[in-house]
Structures are given as structure tokens and as C-alpha cells.
């Protein structure tokens, strides 16, 4: 993702008890990718970590999987994203393309 992000040290002034922002993703198709990427970008500029909620994602296409791949492969972004438990639809789409690992959190990945 070609974005300039604030570093975690720039966020140390935030209160420790401040809730982590989250983005609820119910549909991740080509039509949704740009607005969702923009929303992720804005949240990452404002917060050191962001949770992506895919539990209710009922539609995902290859453009959506590509966005997830970009997010996971950019070390500066990937370390700041937390994925909740994905829906069966989201997990199946990633598994079908041999990319099931995309929806695992790095600390939980095998």
C-alpha cells in the first residue's frame, strides 16, 4: 500500500485505554476495494493498530483477495492490522487461491 503512515512512536501520546478502531467488512469485491482501502488508510494514520472485522463478510472476489494480499505483504501495514475470525466465505475464497494464511494474525500464524 503506497501510503505514508504515522509510526507507532508518533502514537505514544494517545491514551493507553483508547479503544482500537475497527472496520467491519461485509463485502470485499472490486467495487468495495477502493473505499475500504481508503478507510484503512485513514484509520492507520490516526491509530497505531486497526482491527479488520471479516466475520460478516459474505462476498469476496479476487480483487478483495488482492487487497488482503497487499495489506499482508507490506510489513509496515501488516504489523498494524489485527484480523478477527473471518467468515467461512472469506476463508474459503482465500483457501481456494492457496492464500489461507492471509487471514491469520502474524502472531498466531503457524
Protein backbone atom coordinates (compact mmCIF):
# COMPACT_ATOMS: atom_id res chain seq x y z
CA UNK A 1 0.00 0.00 0.00
CA UNK A 2 1.61 3.22 -1.03
CA UNK A 3 0.68 5.39 1.94
CA UNK A 4 2.60 7.38 4.46
CA UNK A 5 1.72 6.11 7.90
CA UNK A 6 2.45 7.57 11.27
CA UNK A 7 4.81 5.34 13.20
CA UNK A 8 3.84 3.72 16.47
CA UNK A 9 6.14 6.12 18.33
CA UNK A 10 4.08 9.01 16.99
CA UNK A 11 1.05 7.47 18.64
CA UNK A 12 2.56 7.16 22.12
CA UNK A 13 0.79 10.36 23.11
CA UNK A 14 -2.56 8.60 22.78
CA UNK A 15 -4.17 7.26 25.90
CA UNK A 16 -3.37 3.61 26.52
CA UNK A 17 -7.01 2.80 27.27
CA UNK A 18 -8.23 4.21 23.97
CA UNK A 19 -10.22 1.62 22.03
CA UNK A 20 -8.64 0.15 18.92
CA UNK A 21 -10.55 1.31 15.84
CA UNK A 22 -12.16 -1.39 13.75
CA UNK A 23 -13.54 -1.69 10.25
CA UNK A 24 -16.45 -4.05 9.68
CA UNK A 25 -16.11 -5.56 6.20
CA UNK A 26 -19.27 -7.25 4.96
CA UNK A 27 -18.43 -7.22 1.26
CA UNK A 28 -14.97 -7.15 -0.35
CA UNK A 29 -15.40 -7.02 -4.11
CA UNK A 30 -13.77 -4.89 -6.79
CA UNK A 31 -16.38 -2.17 -6.16
CA UNK A 32 -15.56 -2.13 -2.44
CA UNK A 33 -11.76 -2.24 -2.52
CA UNK A 34 -11.02 1.46 -3.07
CA UNK A 35 -13.37 2.74 -0.35
CA UNK A 36 -12.18 0.07 2.09
CA UNK A 37 -8.51 0.77 1.30
CA UNK A 38 -9.18 4.48 1.88
CA UNK A 39 -10.87 3.72 5.19
CA UNK A 40 -7.96 1.52 6.30
CA UNK A 41 -5.50 4.25 5.27
CA UNK A 42 -7.35 6.88 7.30
CA UNK A 43 -7.61 4.65 10.37
CA UNK A 44 -3.90 3.77 10.21
CA UNK A 45 -2.99 7.46 10.01
CA UNK A 46 -4.91 8.05 13.23
CA UNK A 47 -4.14 4.92 15.23
CA UNK A 48 -1.22 2.52 15.76
CA UNK A 49 -3.39 -0.59 15.23
CA UNK A 50 -6.63 -1.28 13.39
CA UNK A 51 -8.87 -4.33 13.57
CA UNK A 52 -10.39 -5.65 10.35
CA UNK A 53 -13.61 -7.47 11.11
CA UNK A 54 -14.34 -10.06 8.45
CA UNK A 55 -16.74 -12.22 10.47
CA UNK A 56 -19.73 -10.98 8.48
CA UNK A 57 -18.04 -10.84 5.07
CA UNK A 58 -20.49 -12.60 2.76
CA UNK A 59 -18.97 -11.70 -0.60
CA UNK A 60 -15.33 -11.56 -1.66
CA UNK A 61 -13.77 -11.72 -5.11
CA UNK A 62 -10.21 -11.86 -6.41
CA UNK A 63 -9.86 -8.06 -6.11
CA UNK A 64 -10.69 -8.40 -2.42
CA UNK A 65 -8.15 -11.17 -2.00
CA UNK A 66 -5.58 -8.99 -3.80
CA UNK A 67 -6.24 -6.15 -1.35
CA UNK A 68 -5.75 -8.54 1.58
CA UNK A 69 -2.52 -9.77 -0.04
CA UNK A 70 -1.20 -6.22 -0.40
CA UNK A 71 -2.05 -5.46 3.22
CA UNK A 72 -0.34 -8.65 4.46
CA UNK A 73 2.78 -8.29 2.32
CA UNK A 74 3.52 -4.69 3.33
CA UNK A 75 5.43 -5.14 6.60
CA UNK A 76 4.70 -1.59 7.75
CA UNK A 77 0.98 -2.16 7.36
CA UNK A 78 0.67 -5.86 8.22
CA UNK A 79 2.14 -5.42 11.70
CA UNK A 80 -0.52 -2.85 12.48
CA UNK A 81 -3.57 -4.83 11.37
CA UNK A 82 -5.48 -7.30 13.51
CA UNK A 83 -7.87 -9.69 11.76
CA UNK A 84 -10.82 -11.07 13.69
CA UNK A 85 -12.16 -14.53 12.90
CA UNK A 86 -13.09 -14.44 9.19
CA UNK A 87 -16.37 -15.66 7.79
CA UNK A 88 -16.44 -19.04 6.08
CA UNK A 89 -16.91 -17.17 2.79
CA UNK A 90 -13.76 -15.07 3.23
CA UNK A 91 -11.69 -18.02 4.43
CA UNK A 92 -12.91 -20.24 1.58
CA UNK A 93 -12.04 -17.62 -1.05
CA UNK A 94 -8.50 -17.30 0.31
CA UNK A 95 -8.11 -21.08 0.69
CA UNK A 96 -9.30 -21.65 -2.88
CA UNK A 97 -6.42 -19.49 -4.12
CA UNK A 98 -3.91 -21.13 -1.77
CA UNK A 99 -3.78 -17.99 0.40
CA UNK A 100 -5.47 -19.16 3.58
CA UNK A 101 -2.63 -17.68 5.62
CA UNK A 102 -3.76 -14.14 4.67
CA UNK A 103 -6.44 -14.10 7.33
CA UNK A 104 -4.20 -15.31 10.16
CA UNK A 105 -2.74 -12.80 12.55
CA UNK A 106 1.08 -12.87 12.31
CA UNK A 107 1.48 -13.77 15.99
CA UNK A 108 -0.93 -16.71 15.55
CA UNK A 109 0.37 -17.93 12.20
CA UNK A 110 1.95 -21.36 12.16
